[in-house]
Amino acid sequence: MSLGDYLRYLRAVKGGPTPWEIADATGVPSSIYRQMEQRYRAVGDEEALVKLAGYFQVPVEELRWRFDWPRKALSAALVAAQEEGRPIRLHLRTGESFAGRVEWWDLGAVLLTLADGQQVVVQRHVVERWET
């Protein structure tokens, strides 16, 4: 899961504070926070990650490793797996994982055909990490 997706998740769990409320509480400018949530590439710095980790009461490592897993990287992995006809394994926030052939994907979901022929749709925002 990208940093932006995870921040949106944390914000929802916290009751939906606005980026301006988060800025007031952390000192991270709302414009930077919004970019961290919405951009498809890494935005922000170590100081912002530390402040946001404190605000959301999660270990800074939970934000730090996601910084290097942008949505574009998942898109690139899905394209490569689909074009090369090789399976991809998606590890989900729920602890489940699915491995299969990429049939279709967009910015919101992925359709995999599993080894047994079953198909499963995976929402991209729940993908923690992946392996090809």
Protein backbone atom coordinates (compact mmCIF):
# COMPACT_ATOMS: atom_id res chain seq x y z
CA MET A 1 0.00 0.00 0.00
CA SER A 2 1.37 3.37 -0.93
CA LEU A 3 2.03 6.03 1.67
CA GLY A 4 -0.87 8.08 0.31
CA ASP A 5 -3.30 5.18 0.56
CA TYR A 6 -2.13 4.39 4.09
CA LEU A 7 -2.46 8.02 5.20
CA ARG A 8 -6.03 8.12 3.85
CA TYR A 9 -6.76 4.91 5.76
CA LEU A 10 -5.27 6.30 8.99
CA ARG A 11 -7.21 9.52 8.57
CA ALA A 12 -10.47 7.60 8.17
CA VAL A 13 -9.73 5.46 11.24
CA LYS A 14 -9.08 8.65 13.22
CA GLY A 15 -12.52 9.98 12.33
CA GLY A 16 -11.73 11.96 9.21
CA PRO A 17 -9.82 15.04 10.35
CA THR A 18 -9.24 17.53 7.55
CA PRO A 19 -5.76 18.19 6.18
CA TRP A 20 -5.98 21.61 7.88
CA GLU A 21 -6.71 20.01 11.26
CA ILE A 22 -3.77 17.65 10.72
CA ALA A 23 -1.58 20.63 9.82
CA ASP A 24 -2.61 22.45 13.00
CA ALA A 25 -1.85 19.37 15.11
CA THR A 26 1.45 18.39 13.47
CA GLY A 27 3.00 21.43 11.85
CA VAL A 28 3.09 19.61 8.50
CA PRO A 29 1.62 22.11 6.03
CA SER A 30 -1.79 21.03 4.72
CA SER A 31 -0.54 21.41 1.14
CA ILE A 32 2.28 18.93 1.80
CA TYR A 33 -0.05 16.54 3.61
CA ARG A 34 -2.55 16.63 0.74
CA GLN A 35 0.23 15.96 -1.76
CA MET A 36 1.43 13.03 0.36
CA GLU A 37 -2.07 11.55 0.18
CA GLN A 38 -2.79 12.29 -3.46
CA ARG A 39 0.45 12.04 -5.41
CA TYR A 40 1.58 8.92 -7.22
CA ARG A 41 5.19 9.57 -6.25
CA ALA A 42 6.97 10.11 -2.97
CA VAL A 43 6.31 13.53 -1.39
CA GLY A 44 7.44 14.71 2.02
CA ASP A 45 10.52 14.23 4.15
CA GLU A 46 11.66 12.41 7.29
CA GLU A 47 10.49 15.21 9.59
CA ALA A 48 6.97 15.06 8.15
CA LEU A 49 6.90 11.28 8.50
CA VAL A 50 7.93 11.49 12.16
CA LYS A 51 5.27 14.12 12.94
CA LEU A 52 2.53 12.21 11.13
CA ALA A 53 3.49 8.93 12.80
CA GLY A 54 3.10 10.62 16.17
CA TYR A 55 -0.24 12.12 15.21
CA PHE A 56 -1.64 8.84 13.92
CA GLN A 57 0.03 6.86 16.71
CA VAL A 58 1.83 4.40 14.44
CA PRO A 59 5.54 3.52 14.31
CA VAL A 60 7.40 5.83 11.95
CA GLU A 61 8.67 2.69 10.18
CA GLU A 62 5.07 2.03 9.05
CA LEU A 63 5.19 5.30 7.11
CA ARG A 64 8.84 5.15 6.11
CA TRP A 65 8.74 1.84 4.21
CA ARG A 66 5.56 2.86 2.41
CA PHE A 67 7.34 5.98 1.17
CA ASP A 68 9.25 3.71 -1.23
CA TRP A 69 6.14 1.82 -2.44
CA PRO A 70 4.31 4.40 -4.56
CA ARG A 71 1.22 3.50 -6.58
CA LYS A 72 3.23 3.84 -9.79
CA ALA A 73 5.49 0.99 -8.65
CA LEU A 74 2.47 -1.31 -8.26
CA SER A 75 1.21 -0.23 -11.68
CA ALA A 76 4.60 -1.03 -13.20
CA ALA A 77 4.64 -4.45 -11.53
CA LEU A 78 1.11 -5.21 -12.79
CA VAL A 79 1.99 -4.16 -16.35
CA ALA A 80 5.16 -6.27 -16.33
CA ALA A 81 3.37 -9.33 -14.94
CA GLN A 82 0.55 -8.99 -17.47
CA GLU A 83 2.80 -8.40 -20.48
CA GLU A 84 5.20 -11.21 -19.51
CA GLY A 85 2.40 -13.62 -18.62
CA ARG A 86 3.84 -14.38 -15.20
CA PRO A 87 2.00 -14.44 -11.89
CA ILE A 88 2.14 -11.75 -9.27
CA ARG A 89 1.50 -12.24 -5.55
CA LEU A 90 -0.44 -9.49 -3.79
CA HIS A 91 -0.18 -9.32 0.01
CA LEU A 92 -3.18 -7.58 1.57
CA ARG A 93 -3.65 -5.52 4.73
CA THR A 94 -5.94 -8.30 6.00
CA GLY A 95 -3.04 -10.78 6.07
CA GLU A 96 -4.34 -12.65 3.02
CA SER A 97 -2.36 -13.02 -0.16
CA PHE A 98 -3.36 -13.97 -3.69
CA ALA A 99 -1.11 -15.12 -6.50
CA GLY A 100 -2.28 -15.26 -10.06
CA ARG A 101 -2.23 -14.00 -13.59
CA VAL A 102 -3.20 -10.37 -14.10
CA GLU A 103 -6.22 -10.28 -16.38
CA TRP A 104 -7.14 -6.65 -15.95
CA TRP A 105 -6.28 -3.69 -13.74
CA ASP A 106 -6.92 0.01 -13.33
CA LEU A 107 -6.17 2.59 -10.65
CA GLY A 108 -8.74 1.05 -8.31
CA ALA A 109 -8.66 -2.72 -8.69
CA VAL A 110 -6.94 -5.80 -10.13
CA LEU A 111 -8.53 -8.94 -11.57
CA LEU A 112 -6.38 -12.04 -10.97
CA THR A 113 -6.91 -15.56 -12.25
CA LEU A 114 -5.63 -17.95 -9.58
CA ALA A 115 -3.89 -21.27 -10.25
CA ASP A 116 -7.16 -23.17 -9.71
CA GLY A 117 -8.94 -21.04 -12.33
CA GLN A 118 -10.93 -18.95 -9.87
CA GLN A 119 -10.90 -15.23 -10.37
CA VAL A 120 -10.60 -12.64 -7.65
CA VAL A 121 -10.90 -8.86 -7.72
CA VAL A 122 -8.50 -7.09 -5.37
CA GLN A 123 -8.95 -3.43 -4.47
CA ARG A 124 -5.55 -1.76 -4.90
CA HIS A 125 -5.83 0.26 -1.69
CA VAL A 126 -5.63 -2.93 0.40
CA VAL A 127 -2.44 -4.20 -1.27
CA GLU A 128 0.34 -3.88 1.30
CA ARG A 129 3.12 -5.22 -0.91
CA TRP A 130 3.67 -7.50 -3.88
CA GLU A 131 6.09 -10.00 -5.36
CA THR A 132 6.65 -10.90 -9.00
